[in-house]
Amino acid sequence: MIVEAEVLSERANEYTGKKGKVEQTILSCIDRSPDHAFVNTFDYLLTPEEREKYRGKLGGKRVTLGLINARPEFGGRLRFDGSLVKIH
């Protein structure tokens, strides 16, 4: 699914998992698609390659995301995986 979204905030998440230290960068986004946009905000998890290239640079920008996997996180908030297709 392709979504045009605005990045509301960017935050780092670090924790120790079963396989060692895990570092994540999570974008909180709102859908800005012209037709049939999501009502709620959602999270997008940057891939390690995207994190190296774009960490700290996406806040307040419009992006196009290619979303391939959705899962509910704590409190029922949706978190998506996929790829960052374009930065506007």
Protein backbone atom coordinates (compact mmCIF):
# COMPACT_ATOMS: atom_id res chain seq x y z
CA MET A 1 0.00 0.00 0.00
CA ILE A 2 1.37 3.43 -0.95
CA VAL A 3 0.61 6.27 1.49
CA GLU A 4 1.50 9.95 1.36
CA ALA A 5 2.06 11.02 4.96
CA GLU A 6 3.35 13.88 7.07
CA VAL A 7 5.93 13.06 9.73
CA LEU A 8 4.72 14.49 13.04
CA SER A 9 7.65 13.31 15.15
CA GLU A 10 10.69 11.10 15.10
CA ARG A 11 11.91 9.17 18.12
CA ALA A 12 14.64 6.70 18.95
CA ASN A 13 13.84 3.45 20.74
CA GLU A 14 16.63 1.34 22.24
CA TYR A 15 16.34 -1.82 24.29
CA THR A 16 18.11 -5.10 24.97
CA GLY A 17 16.40 -8.03 23.29
CA LYS A 18 17.11 -11.76 23.18
CA LYS A 19 19.83 -11.22 20.57
CA GLY A 20 21.40 -8.13 22.12
CA LYS A 21 20.94 -4.38 21.78
CA VAL A 22 18.16 -3.23 19.44
CA GLU A 23 18.08 0.30 18.01
CA GLN A 24 15.00 1.61 16.22
CA THR A 25 13.89 4.94 14.81
CA ILE A 26 10.13 5.37 14.74
CA LEU A 27 8.27 8.00 12.75
CA SER A 28 4.83 9.09 13.97
CA CYS A 29 2.85 9.95 10.86
CA ILE A 30 -0.54 11.18 9.74
CA ASP A 31 -1.96 10.14 6.39
CA ARG A 32 -2.22 13.07 3.96
CA SER A 33 -3.53 11.08 0.99
CA PRO A 34 -6.06 13.16 -0.95
CA ASP A 35 -8.79 10.48 -0.87
CA HIS A 36 -9.74 8.03 1.88
CA ALA A 37 -7.00 8.87 4.39
CA PHE A 38 -6.53 7.05 7.69
CA VAL A 39 -8.29 8.84 10.54
CA ASN A 40 -5.67 8.02 13.20
CA THR A 41 -1.95 8.61 13.33
CA PHE A 42 0.34 5.63 12.89
CA ASP A 43 3.99 4.68 13.39
CA TYR A 44 6.48 3.74 10.69
CA LEU A 45 9.65 1.86 11.60
CA LEU A 46 12.69 2.96 9.58
CA THR A 47 14.85 0.16 8.17
CA PRO A 48 18.52 0.14 9.30
CA GLU A 49 19.58 1.59 5.93
CA GLU A 50 16.97 4.37 6.13
CA ARG A 51 17.98 5.09 9.73
CA GLU A 52 21.62 5.64 8.71
CA LYS A 53 20.64 7.98 5.87
CA TYR A 54 17.68 9.94 7.30
CA ARG A 55 17.83 9.87 11.13
CA GLY A 56 16.96 13.31 12.50
CA LYS A 57 16.03 14.77 9.10
CA LEU A 58 12.38 13.82 8.54
CA GLY A 59 10.44 15.69 11.24
CA GLY A 60 7.70 17.86 9.71
CA LYS A 61 8.30 16.62 6.16
CA ARG A 62 5.94 14.88 3.75
CA VAL A 63 6.97 11.41 2.68
CA THR A 64 5.62 8.64 0.49
CA LEU A 65 5.72 5.26 2.23
CA GLY A 66 5.38 1.80 0.73
CA LEU A 67 3.74 -0.12 3.59
CA ILE A 68 3.93 -3.91 3.54
CA ASN A 69 3.23 -5.08 7.10
CA ALA A 70 1.00 -3.72 9.88
CA ARG A 71 0.92 -4.85 13.49
CA PRO A 72 -0.68 -3.46 16.63
CA GLU A 73 1.75 -2.21 19.27
CA PHE A 74 1.17 -1.36 22.91
CA GLY A 75 -2.21 0.29 23.39
CA GLY A 76 -3.42 -0.85 19.97
CA ARG A 77 -1.40 1.73 18.02
CA LEU A 78 -0.55 0.58 14.47
CA ARG A 79 3.09 0.21 13.48
CA PHE A 80 4.02 -0.36 9.83
CA ASP A 81 7.10 -1.78 8.12
CA GLY A 82 7.99 -1.14 4.51
CA SER A 83 10.12 1.33 2.63
CA LEU A 84 10.55 5.06 2.31
CA VAL A 85 9.69 5.68 -1.34
CA LYS A 86 10.06 9.46 -1.59
CA ILE A 87 10.70 12.58 0.49
CA HIS A 88 8.76 15.62 -0.76
